[in-house]
Amino acid sequence: MHKVSTRIAAVRGDRLVGEVSVASQVEVVEAALRRLGVEACCYEAGPTGFGLARYLNEAGLSCRVVAPGLVWRRPGDRVKTDPRDARRLAAQYAGGMLDAIFVPDVEQEGLRDLVRAREDARHDRSRTRLRLMAFVLRHGRVMPSRSWCGQRRSWLGQQRFDQQGAQAAFDDYVTAIDVVDRRIELLERQIAEQAQSGSHAELVARLRCLRGIDTLSAVGMVAEIGDFDRFATAEQFMSFVGLVPSERSSGECQRRGSITKPGNDHVRRLLIEAAWNNRGRPTTSWGIQRRRRDQPPLAVERAIRAEQRLHRRWQRLRARGKDERTIVVAVARELAGFIWAQATQQPITPPQPANRADPTLPRLTTP
């Protein structure tokens, strides 16, 4: 699919029964598929979005969106054309070799766009701040403090330059920072409104019970993941966000390396940022109490068990001499499992008895 044209290839069994190029309009594509007698189709995810998949599914044609990285290509094949790509997709999809990705509905895609707009604004602010820091450094001035706070903003308001061009450039940099700050404030306010009144408000509230996860993190995960029920186990969700170790094992030789890092990198970053909050001992702060207020008791119990287990995990890995960057990734992987359990409302398993050898025996006590 392109923004102007779409190439269609239809197969029946192992035979190519038709090919055609049409305009990239949903009505035109549907008419061409029906003329070719297509019952099910797919296309690669790309800049054209999910509009065609939604339209065809509502029209009665089964349409799936597949990840381009999962389409098999012969090693050394350097010929890539639209007809060859269309035939490859048709043959592999008919043979059941392609897995479909999740297609969000219109409301969820709008929430995802809002979250990604805030992420883009955050990157814009980082770049603008770096340009301003480089500018003042070239003029022999060093900003106070190590973070962007009121002290640094007050210092910027006191700076003056003798050259008119330098002063105009400085004012432009400062104005750009103020503008992007207002953008981020507006986007975060709209995200907070969606978290309280949207269709995912209940799920967001349950996720906010977990330590290290507040409104922005919870809404970001919900917007990017969508339906948590499509993962049958917590391990599948961990693998989806790319937090499981890579492995190259054969025979008796086993090699495990760094994490795989496929899937959604935004969710992976949110999980790692949240995992850093488990370094310290679990405490019931006012913010956590506020987030857990009026929430289901089971959701609060899962959150309490999560913070206790993740803190113990952090301490055990630290005692073994592991690097903190390795520890936070391991803790983020377990946090992903608790998030999946919180989102899918998994039952809480009872605590294990003290005597693990024979659970039926009474617990030994010291007189």
Protein backbone atom coordinates (compact mmCIF):
# COMPACT_ATOMS: atom_id res chain seq x y z
CA MET A 1 0.00 0.00 0.00
CA HIS A 2 1.13 3.51 -0.88
CA LYS A 3 -0.53 6.84 -0.44
CA VAL A 4 -1.48 6.88 -4.16
CA SER A 5 -1.59 3.28 -5.39
CA THR A 6 -2.22 -0.23 -4.04
CA ARG A 7 -1.04 -3.47 -5.61
CA ILE A 8 -3.30 -6.50 -5.16
CA ALA A 9 -2.39 -10.14 -5.80
CA ALA A 10 -4.92 -12.95 -5.31
CA VAL A 11 -4.06 -16.64 -4.90
CA ARG A 12 -6.18 -19.77 -4.66
CA GLY A 13 -4.27 -22.71 -3.29
CA ASP A 14 -0.83 -22.48 -4.88
CA ARG A 15 -1.98 -20.64 -8.00
CA LEU A 16 -1.94 -16.92 -8.73
CA VAL A 17 -5.44 -16.08 -9.99
CA GLY A 18 -5.22 -12.33 -10.47
CA GLU A 19 -3.21 -9.15 -10.10
CA VAL A 20 -4.21 -5.53 -10.36
CA SER A 21 -3.05 -2.05 -9.33
CA VAL A 22 -5.71 0.36 -8.09
CA ALA A 23 -5.92 3.74 -6.40
CA SER A 24 -5.47 3.80 -2.62
CA GLN A 25 -9.11 4.54 -1.85
CA VAL A 26 -10.97 2.15 0.40
CA GLU A 27 -14.00 1.90 -1.92
CA VAL A 28 -11.82 1.19 -4.95
CA VAL A 29 -9.77 -1.43 -3.09
CA GLU A 30 -12.93 -3.18 -1.85
CA ALA A 31 -14.39 -3.31 -5.36
CA ALA A 32 -11.18 -4.79 -6.76
CA LEU A 33 -11.05 -7.45 -4.04
CA ARG A 34 -14.65 -8.49 -4.71
CA ARG A 35 -14.01 -8.73 -8.45
CA LEU A 36 -11.11 -11.08 -7.75
CA GLY A 37 -13.26 -13.20 -5.43
CA VAL A 38 -11.09 -12.56 -2.37
CA GLU A 39 -12.43 -13.83 0.96
CA ALA A 40 -9.50 -12.86 3.23
CA CYS A 41 -6.65 -10.44 2.73
CA CYS A 42 -3.77 -8.74 4.50
CA TYR A 43 -1.38 -5.85 4.07
CA GLU A 44 1.78 -4.67 5.78
CA ALA A 45 1.62 -2.08 8.52
CA GLY A 46 2.84 1.27 7.30
CA PRO A 47 2.16 5.00 7.14
CA THR A 48 -1.34 4.50 5.72
CA GLY A 49 -2.61 3.32 9.11
CA PHE A 50 -5.49 1.00 9.92
CA GLY A 51 -8.32 2.72 8.05
CA LEU A 52 -8.46 0.15 5.25
CA ALA A 53 -8.55 -2.80 7.67
CA ARG A 54 -11.44 -1.29 9.63
CA TYR A 55 -13.38 -0.48 6.45
CA LEU A 56 -12.96 -3.95 4.91
CA ASN A 57 -13.85 -5.75 8.15
CA GLU A 58 -17.01 -3.66 8.50
CA ALA A 59 -17.82 -4.45 4.84
CA GLY A 60 -17.64 -8.19 5.49
CA LEU A 61 -14.15 -8.93 4.13
CA SER A 62 -11.64 -10.39 6.56
CA CYS A 63 -8.61 -8.10 6.56
CA ARG A 64 -5.55 -8.39 8.76
CA VAL A 65 -2.52 -6.15 9.21
CA VAL A 66 0.85 -7.90 9.46
CA ALA A 67 4.21 -6.67 10.71
CA PRO A 68 6.72 -6.11 7.87
CA GLY A 69 9.50 -7.69 9.92
CA LEU A 70 7.61 -11.01 10.06
CA VAL A 71 7.30 -11.39 6.28
CA TRP A 72 9.81 -14.01 5.16
CA ARG A 73 12.27 -13.03 2.43
CA ARG A 74 14.88 -15.26 0.85
CA PRO A 75 18.43 -14.36 1.94
CA GLY A 76 20.26 -12.55 -0.84
CA ASP A 77 17.07 -11.45 -2.59
CA ARG A 78 17.77 -7.86 -3.65
CA VAL A 79 14.88 -7.41 -6.07
CA LYS A 80 11.98 -5.63 -4.41
CA THR A 81 8.96 -4.49 -6.42
CA ASP A 82 5.30 -4.01 -5.61
CA PRO A 83 4.14 -7.06 -7.68
CA ARG A 84 6.70 -9.34 -5.97
CA ASP A 85 5.77 -8.03 -2.53
CA ALA A 86 2.06 -8.52 -3.19
CA ARG A 87 2.56 -12.11 -4.38
CA ARG A 88 4.78 -12.88 -1.39
CA LEU A 89 2.17 -11.53 1.03
CA ALA A 90 -0.65 -13.45 -0.65
CA ALA A 91 1.23 -16.76 -0.70
CA GLN A 92 2.45 -16.55 2.88
CA TYR A 93 -0.90 -15.37 4.24
CA ALA A 94 -2.75 -18.16 2.42
CA GLY A 95 -0.28 -20.64 3.91
CA GLY A 96 -0.85 -19.37 7.44
CA MET A 97 2.71 -18.13 7.82
CA LEU A 98 1.89 -14.56 8.87
CA ASP A 99 0.72 -13.36 12.28
CA ALA A 100 -1.63 -10.39 12.44
CA ILE A 101 -0.93 -7.43 14.68
CA PHE A 102 -3.48 -5.77 16.92
CA VAL A 103 -5.68 -3.18 15.18
CA PRO A 104 -6.97 -0.54 17.64
CA ASP A 105 -10.40 0.97 17.32
CA VAL A 106 -10.90 4.63 16.45
CA GLU A 107 -11.15 5.79 20.07
CA GLN A 108 -8.05 3.95 21.18
CA GLU A 109 -6.06 5.16 18.18
CA GLY A 110 -7.03 8.72 19.09
CA LEU A 111 -5.72 8.15 22.62
CA ARG A 112 -2.52 6.69 21.17
CA ASP A 113 -2.09 9.76 18.95
CA LEU A 114 -2.49 11.99 21.99
CA VAL A 115 0.14 10.07 23.96
CA ARG A 116 2.57 10.08 21.04
CA ALA A 117 2.02 13.81 20.49
CA ARG A 118 3.09 14.40 24.09
CA GLU A 119 6.13 12.15 23.52
CA ASP A 120 7.09 14.15 20.41
CA ALA A 121 6.73 17.39 22.35
CA ARG A 122 8.98 16.01 25.08
CA HIS A 123 11.68 15.21 22.51
CA ASP A 124 11.30 18.69 21.03
CA ARG A 125 11.83 20.20 24.47
CA SER A 126 15.00 18.16 25.05
CA ARG A 127 16.47 19.26 21.72
CA THR A 128 15.52 22.90 22.31
CA ARG A 129 17.10 22.89 25.76
CA LEU A 130 20.31 21.41 24.41
CA ARG A 131 20.50 24.13 21.74
CA LEU A 132 20.09 26.83 24.38
CA MET A 133 22.71 25.26 26.65
CA ALA A 134 25.17 25.11 23.74
CA PHE A 135 24.43 28.74 22.86
CA VAL A 136 25.13 30.16 26.32
CA LEU A 137 28.22 27.95 26.64
CA ARG A 138 29.64 29.38 23.41
CA HIS A 139 29.32 32.82 25.00
CA GLY A 140 31.25 31.77 28.09
CA ARG A 141 28.28 31.31 30.42
CA VAL A 142 27.33 28.18 32.37
CA MET A 143 23.81 27.52 33.57
CA PRO A 144 23.34 27.04 37.33
CA SER A 145 22.04 23.78 38.88
CA ARG A 146 21.99 20.41 37.17
CA SER A 147 18.32 20.33 36.22
CA TRP A 148 15.74 22.58 34.63
CA CYS A 149 14.10 24.25 37.62
CA GLY A 150 12.98 27.67 38.78
CA GLN A 151 16.54 28.72 39.55
CA ARG A 152 17.70 28.05 36.00
CA ARG A 153 14.65 29.78 34.50
CA SER A 154 15.27 32.83 36.69
CA TRP A 155 18.92 32.90 35.61
CA LEU A 156 17.90 32.86 31.94
CA GLY A 157 15.63 35.85 32.51
CA GLN A 158 18.62 37.88 33.77
CA GLN A 159 20.93 37.26 30.82
CA ARG A 160 21.73 40.07 28.39
CA PHE A 161 24.03 40.11 25.35
CA ASP A 162 25.81 43.10 23.82
CA GLN A 163 25.40 41.97 20.23
CA GLN A 164 21.92 42.47 18.81
CA GLY A 165 22.04 39.24 16.80
CA ALA A 166 23.09 37.21 19.84
CA GLN A 167 20.30 38.71 21.94
CA ALA A 168 17.71 37.96 19.24
CA ALA A 169 18.91 34.34 18.98
CA PHE A 170 18.85 33.95 22.77
CA ASP A 171 15.29 35.31 22.98
CA ASP A 172 14.19 32.92 20.23
CA TYR A 173 15.63 29.90 22.07
CA VAL A 174 13.95 30.90 25.34
CA THR A 175 10.63 31.51 23.57
CA ALA A 176 10.83 28.11 21.90
CA ILE A 177 11.28 26.45 25.29
CA ASP A 178 8.32 28.35 26.74
CA VAL A 179 6.14 27.35 23.78
CA VAL A 180 6.97 23.66 24.01
CA ASP A 181 6.43 23.75 27.79
CA ARG A 182 2.91 25.08 27.19
CA ARG A 183 2.33 22.36 24.59
CA ILE A 184 3.32 19.65 27.05
CA GLU A 185 1.12 21.13 29.80
CA LEU A 186 -1.90 21.20 27.48
CA LEU A 187 -1.32 17.64 26.26
CA GLU A 188 -0.85 16.31 29.79
CA ARG A 189 -4.07 18.02 30.87
CA GLN A 190 -5.95 16.35 28.03
CA ILE A 191 -4.38 12.97 28.85
CA ALA A 192 -5.49 13.36 32.48
CA GLU A 193 -9.04 14.08 31.32
CA GLN A 194 -9.01 10.97 29.12
CA ALA A 195 -7.73 8.92 32.07
CA GLN A 196 -10.63 10.01 34.27
CA SER A 197 -13.54 10.02 31.83
CA GLY A 198 -12.55 7.76 28.92
CA SER A 199 -13.59 4.19 28.29
CA HIS A 200 -10.29 2.97 29.81
CA ALA A 201 -10.68 4.91 33.05
CA GLU A 202 -11.21 1.79 35.19
CA LEU A 203 -8.16 0.03 33.76
CA VAL A 204 -5.99 3.12 34.16
CA ALA A 205 -7.09 3.44 37.80
CA ARG A 206 -6.09 -0.19 38.52
CA LEU A 207 -2.68 0.25 36.93
CA ARG A 208 -2.06 3.42 38.95
CA CYS A 209 -2.21 1.31 42.12
CA LEU A 210 1.20 -0.10 41.21
CA ARG A 211 4.28 1.61 42.54
CA GLY A 212 6.03 3.82 39.99
CA ILE A 213 3.03 4.05 37.65
CA ASP A 214 0.93 7.18 37.54
CA THR A 215 -1.41 8.73 34.99
CA LEU A 216 1.03 9.30 32.11
CA SER A 217 2.60 5.84 32.39
CA ALA A 218 -0.73 4.04 32.79
CA VAL A 219 -2.39 5.85 29.89
CA GLY A 220 0.69 5.32 27.72
CA MET A 221 0.62 1.56 28.31
CA VAL A 222 -3.13 1.29 27.73
CA ALA A 223 -2.90 3.33 24.52
CA GLU A 224 -0.01 1.30 23.10
CA ILE A 225 -1.07 -2.20 24.24
CA GLY A 226 -4.83 -1.94 23.83
CA ASP A 227 -6.33 -5.31 24.71
CA PHE A 228 -4.28 -7.06 27.40
CA ASP A 229 -6.48 -10.16 27.12
CA ARG A 230 -4.81 -11.08 23.82
CA PHE A 231 -1.85 -12.31 25.89
CA ALA A 232 -2.60 -15.70 27.40
CA THR A 233 0.21 -15.55 29.95
CA ALA A 234 2.43 -12.98 31.58
CA GLU A 235 5.43 -14.48 29.75
CA GLN A 236 3.80 -13.64 26.40
CA PHE A 237 3.38 -10.04 27.47
CA MET A 238 7.01 -9.86 28.65
CA SER A 239 8.14 -11.21 25.30
CA PHE A 240 5.92 -8.76 23.43
CA VAL A 241 7.58 -5.75 25.06
CA GLY A 242 11.05 -7.18 24.42
CA LEU A 243 12.18 -7.72 28.02
CA VAL A 244 13.10 -11.41 27.76
CA PRO A 245 16.74 -12.49 27.26
CA SER A 246 17.94 -13.37 23.79
CA GLU A 247 19.23 -16.90 23.32
CA ARG A 248 21.41 -18.82 20.86
CA SER A 249 21.46 -22.40 22.12
CA SER A 250 22.16 -25.62 20.28
CA GLY A 251 22.66 -29.08 21.71
CA GLU A 252 24.37 -28.90 25.07
CA CYS A 253 25.60 -25.34 24.48
CA GLN A 254 23.38 -22.61 25.92
CA ARG A 255 24.04 -18.92 25.36
CA ARG A 256 21.81 -16.15 26.65
CA GLY A 257 22.43 -12.52 25.92
CA SER A 258 20.81 -9.13 26.31
CA ILE A 259 17.08 -8.55 26.00
CA THR A 260 15.47 -9.03 22.61
CA LYS A 261 14.01 -5.48 22.31
CA PRO A 262 11.27 -6.16 19.75
CA GLY A 263 7.76 -4.79 20.05
CA ASN A 264 6.83 -1.40 21.42
CA ASP A 265 9.86 0.54 22.65
CA HIS A 266 7.68 3.22 24.28
CA VAL A 267 6.08 0.68 26.63
CA ARG A 268 9.49 -0.85 27.35
CA ARG A 269 10.84 2.56 28.35
CA LEU A 270 7.86 3.21 30.61
CA LEU A 271 8.38 -0.14 32.35
CA ILE A 272 12.07 0.51 32.95
CA GLU A 273 11.38 3.99 34.29
CA ALA A 274 8.76 2.58 36.66
CA ALA A 275 11.09 -0.20 37.79
CA TRP A 276 13.59 2.32 39.19
CA ASN A 277 11.06 3.15 41.92
CA ASN A 278 11.58 -0.27 43.51
CA ARG A 279 15.13 0.46 44.70
CA GLY A 280 13.90 1.81 48.02
CA ARG A 281 11.92 0.01 50.68
CA PRO A 282 8.17 -0.07 49.99
CA THR A 283 6.40 2.77 51.80
CA THR A 284 2.80 3.87 51.72
CA SER A 285 3.25 7.49 50.70
CA TRP A 286 0.44 9.98 50.37
CA GLY A 287 0.55 9.76 46.59
CA ILE A 288 0.18 5.98 46.58
CA GLN A 289 -2.63 6.16 49.13
CA ARG A 290 -4.44 8.68 46.94
CA ARG A 291 -4.12 6.50 43.85
CA ARG A 292 -5.32 3.38 45.70
CA ARG A 293 -8.28 5.08 47.32
CA ASP A 294 -11.69 3.65 46.29
CA GLN A 295 -10.03 0.91 44.20
CA PRO A 296 -11.00 -2.79 44.37
CA PRO A 297 -9.33 -4.61 47.29
CA LEU A 298 -7.88 -7.24 44.96
CA ALA A 299 -6.22 -4.56 42.83
CA VAL A 300 -4.66 -2.99 45.92
CA GLU A 301 -3.51 -6.40 47.18
CA ARG A 302 -1.82 -7.15 43.84
CA ALA A 303 -0.05 -3.80 43.98
CA ILE A 304 1.18 -4.42 47.54
CA ARG A 305 2.49 -7.88 46.63
CA ALA A 306 4.13 -6.46 43.52
CA GLU A 307 6.11 -3.76 45.32
CA GLN A 308 7.24 -6.18 48.02
CA ARG A 309 8.39 -8.84 45.55
CA LEU A 310 10.07 -6.38 43.20
CA HIS A 311 11.99 -4.76 46.07
CA ARG A 312 13.18 -8.18 47.27
CA ARG A 313 14.21 -9.01 43.72
CA TRP A 314 16.22 -5.79 43.51
CA GLN A 315 17.95 -6.47 46.82
CA ARG A 316 18.85 -10.06 45.91
CA LEU A 317 20.36 -9.03 42.58
CA ARG A 318 22.25 -6.18 44.22
CA ALA A 319 23.67 -8.60 46.84
CA ARG A 320 24.94 -10.78 43.99
CA GLY A 321 26.91 -7.82 42.63
CA LYS A 322 24.79 -7.20 39.54
CA ASP A 323 24.99 -3.86 37.74
CA GLU A 324 22.03 -1.57 38.41
CA ARG A 325 21.21 -1.37 34.70
CA THR A 326 20.90 -5.16 34.62
CA ILE A 327 18.85 -5.14 37.81
CA VAL A 328 16.35 -2.58 36.56
CA VAL A 329 15.71 -4.56 33.38
CA ALA A 330 15.10 -7.75 35.39
CA VAL A 331 12.75 -5.88 37.73
CA ALA A 332 10.96 -4.29 34.75
CA ARG A 333 10.38 -7.76 33.31
CA GLU A 334 8.65 -8.90 36.51
CA LEU A 335 6.76 -5.61 36.69
CA ALA A 336 5.38 -6.35 33.23
CA GLY A 337 3.95 -9.58 34.61
CA PHE A 338 2.22 -7.74 37.46
CA ILE A 339 0.83 -5.18 35.01
CA TRP A 340 -0.62 -7.99 32.89
CA ALA A 341 -2.16 -9.57 36.01
CA GLN A 342 -3.59 -6.21 37.09
CA ALA A 343 -5.03 -5.48 33.65
CA THR A 344 -6.58 -8.93 33.18
CA GLN A 345 -7.65 -9.17 36.86
CA GLN A 346 -5.94 -12.47 37.53
CA PRO A 347 -6.83 -14.24 40.80
CA ILE A 348 -4.40 -13.87 43.67
CA THR A 349 -2.68 -17.09 44.67
CA PRO A 350 -2.60 -17.84 48.40
CA PRO A 351 0.77 -17.55 50.15
CA GLN A 352 2.94 -20.66 50.24
CA PRO A 353 3.17 -22.52 53.58
CA ALA A 354 6.36 -22.16 55.59
CA ASN A 355 7.20 -25.89 55.40
CA ARG A 356 7.62 -26.42 51.65
CA ALA A 357 8.60 -30.09 52.00
CA ASP A 358 5.14 -31.14 53.17
CA PRO A 359 2.44 -28.43 53.14
CA THR A 360 0.12 -30.63 55.19
CA LEU A 361 2.38 -30.59 58.24
CA PRO A 362 1.79 -27.95 60.91
CA ARG A 363 4.13 -24.95 61.01
CA LEU A 364 7.01 -25.36 63.42
CA THR A 365 7.30 -22.71 66.11
CA THR A 366 10.06 -21.92 68.56
CA PRO A 367 8.98 -22.21 72.22
